[in-house]
Protein backbone atom coordinates (compact mmCIF):
# COMPACT_ATOMS: atom_id res chain seq x y z
CA MET A 1 28.21 113.05 101.78
CA PRO A 2 29.32 113.39 105.41
CA HIS A 3 31.93 116.02 106.14
CA GLY A 4 33.70 117.33 109.20
CA LEU A 5 32.84 120.63 110.82
CA ASP A 6 36.05 120.85 112.83
CA VAL A 7 39.58 119.55 112.47
CA VAL A 8 39.00 115.94 111.43
CA PRO A 9 41.87 113.49 111.93
CA ASP A 10 42.84 111.53 108.85
CA LYS A 11 41.65 107.89 108.73
CA GLU A 12 45.15 106.84 107.68
CA ALA A 13 46.48 108.49 110.84
CA PHE A 14 44.10 106.34 112.91
CA ALA A 15 45.23 103.18 111.16
CA SER A 16 48.95 103.93 111.49
CA LEU A 17 48.65 104.68 115.21
CA CYS A 18 46.47 101.71 116.13
CA SER A 19 48.41 99.13 114.15
CA GLY A 20 51.94 99.70 115.46
CA ALA A 21 53.98 100.45 118.52
CA ALA A 22 53.19 104.17 118.78
CA THR A 23 54.13 106.37 121.70
CA ARG A 24 52.44 109.45 123.18
CA ALA A 25 55.01 111.63 121.36
CA ASP A 26 54.16 109.92 118.03
CA VAL A 27 50.46 110.64 118.59
CA LEU A 28 51.02 114.28 119.47
CA LEU A 29 53.29 114.81 116.44
CA LEU A 30 50.81 113.18 114.06
CA MET A 31 47.49 114.37 115.51
CA GLY A 32 48.35 117.61 117.30
CA GLU A 33 46.98 118.79 120.63
CA PRO A 34 44.01 116.71 121.90
CA LYS A 35 40.78 118.26 123.11
CA HIS A 36 40.96 116.30 126.38
CA ARG A 37 43.96 115.12 128.45
CA LEU A 38 42.80 112.76 131.19
CA ASP A 39 44.33 111.01 134.19
CA ASP A 40 47.78 112.66 133.93
CA ASP A 41 47.93 112.08 130.15
CA ARG A 42 47.19 108.36 130.45
CA PHE A 43 44.27 109.06 128.11
CA LEU A 44 44.20 111.51 125.20
CA MET A 45 40.89 112.21 123.47
CA TYR A 46 40.33 114.05 120.20
CA GLU A 47 36.87 115.41 119.42
CA TRP A 48 35.15 116.65 116.26
CA ASP A 49 31.69 116.84 114.66
CA VAL A 50 30.60 115.42 111.31
CA ALA A 51 27.61 116.78 109.39
CA TYR A 52 25.56 114.08 107.68
CA GLY A 53 23.07 116.45 106.09
CA TYR A 54 21.22 119.71 106.51
CA VAL A 55 17.66 120.67 107.40
CA LEU A 56 16.15 123.75 105.78
CA ILE A 57 13.61 125.64 107.83
CA GLY A 58 11.88 128.56 106.22
CA GLY A 59 8.82 130.66 106.28
CA GLY A 60 7.99 133.96 104.70
CA TYR A 61 11.17 135.90 104.05
CA SER A 62 13.36 134.16 106.59
CA GLY A 63 14.89 130.75 107.03
CA ALA A 64 17.71 128.76 108.50
CA ILE A 65 19.95 125.88 107.55
CA ILE A 66 20.71 123.52 110.42
CA PRO A 67 23.33 120.77 110.10
CA VAL A 68 22.43 117.24 111.23
CA MET A 69 25.57 116.29 113.13
CA ALA A 70 27.08 113.48 115.13
CA PRO A 71 30.01 113.84 117.49
CA HIS A 72 33.12 111.73 117.00
CA TYR A 73 35.80 110.97 119.60
CA PHE A 74 39.15 109.25 119.19
CA CYS A 75 40.35 107.86 122.52
CA LEU A 76 43.91 106.71 123.11
CA GLU A 77 45.22 104.97 126.25
CA PHE A 78 48.91 104.85 127.18
CA THR A 79 51.06 102.88 129.62
CA PRO A 80 53.09 104.74 132.27
CA ASP A 81 56.10 104.55 129.91
CA SER A 82 54.08 106.31 127.13
CA GLN A 83 53.34 103.30 124.90
CA LEU A 84 49.96 103.24 123.16
CA VAL A 85 47.95 100.24 124.37
CA ARG A 86 44.42 101.02 123.18
CA CYS A 87 42.68 103.23 120.66
CA GLU A 88 38.96 103.54 120.10
CA HIS A 89 36.78 105.61 117.77
CA LEU A 90 33.47 106.55 119.43
CA VAL A 91 30.67 107.81 117.17
CA GLY A 92 27.09 108.89 117.48
CA SER A 93 24.42 110.53 119.53
CA LEU A 94 25.03 108.14 122.42
CA TYR A 95 28.15 110.22 123.04
CA ALA A 96 26.50 113.58 122.33
CA LYS A 97 28.05 115.04 125.45
CA PRO A 98 31.79 114.76 126.02
CA ASP A 99 31.34 113.47 129.59
CA LYS A 100 29.75 110.24 128.31
CA ALA A 101 32.57 109.72 125.83
CA ILE A 102 35.15 110.47 128.53
CA ARG A 103 33.61 107.87 130.85
CA ARG A 104 33.60 105.31 128.02
CA CYS A 105 37.17 106.19 127.10
CA MET A 106 38.46 105.71 130.63
CA LYS A 107 36.50 102.51 131.27
CA GLN A 108 38.60 99.39 130.98
CA PRO A 109 37.38 97.03 128.25
CA GLU A 110 35.58 93.97 129.56
CA LYS A 111 37.34 90.64 129.46
CA PRO A 112 35.98 88.64 126.49
CA ASP A 113 36.00 85.36 128.42
CA GLU A 114 33.91 86.78 131.28
CA PRO A 115 30.19 86.05 130.85
CA ASP A 116 27.74 88.93 131.26
CA ASP A 117 26.05 87.27 134.22
CA ALA A 118 29.35 87.13 136.14
CA LYS A 119 29.25 90.89 136.73
CA GLU A 120 26.55 90.76 139.39
CA GLU A 121 25.86 87.95 141.75
CA PRO A 122 22.14 87.25 142.18
CA ASN A 123 20.77 87.63 145.67
CA GLU A 124 20.08 84.23 147.16
CA PRO A 125 17.00 83.98 149.38
CA ASP A 126 17.79 83.78 153.06
CA GLU A 127 16.52 80.35 154.20
CA THR A 128 17.56 80.77 157.83
CA LYS A 129 14.30 82.47 158.82
């Protein structure tokens, strides 16, 4: 059974924050101090590890137990007047380093009506030559 190796925020806390009109003060009261404060507190990010199992390594009279872990990040974005506008739970080895999770947290979500091919315009061949 997976379990946290650090202070793990309660799933009910996630749900209550993401479903209503929470403010930055509400988040800090409920969740405590975040691990990362980004862009003048526009983004708050909580970080913890969850162990999904253990690997036993042994030989002779010595051995070690190594947890198999995955990092978890809870990213919250606020408006200039401190209203929560976005929350996202990032999980897994893709975000093994905090810098990747921070970049993902601070990236604006893509517009759902924008097709993937609209991001980059293909280079048209120059027919003037």
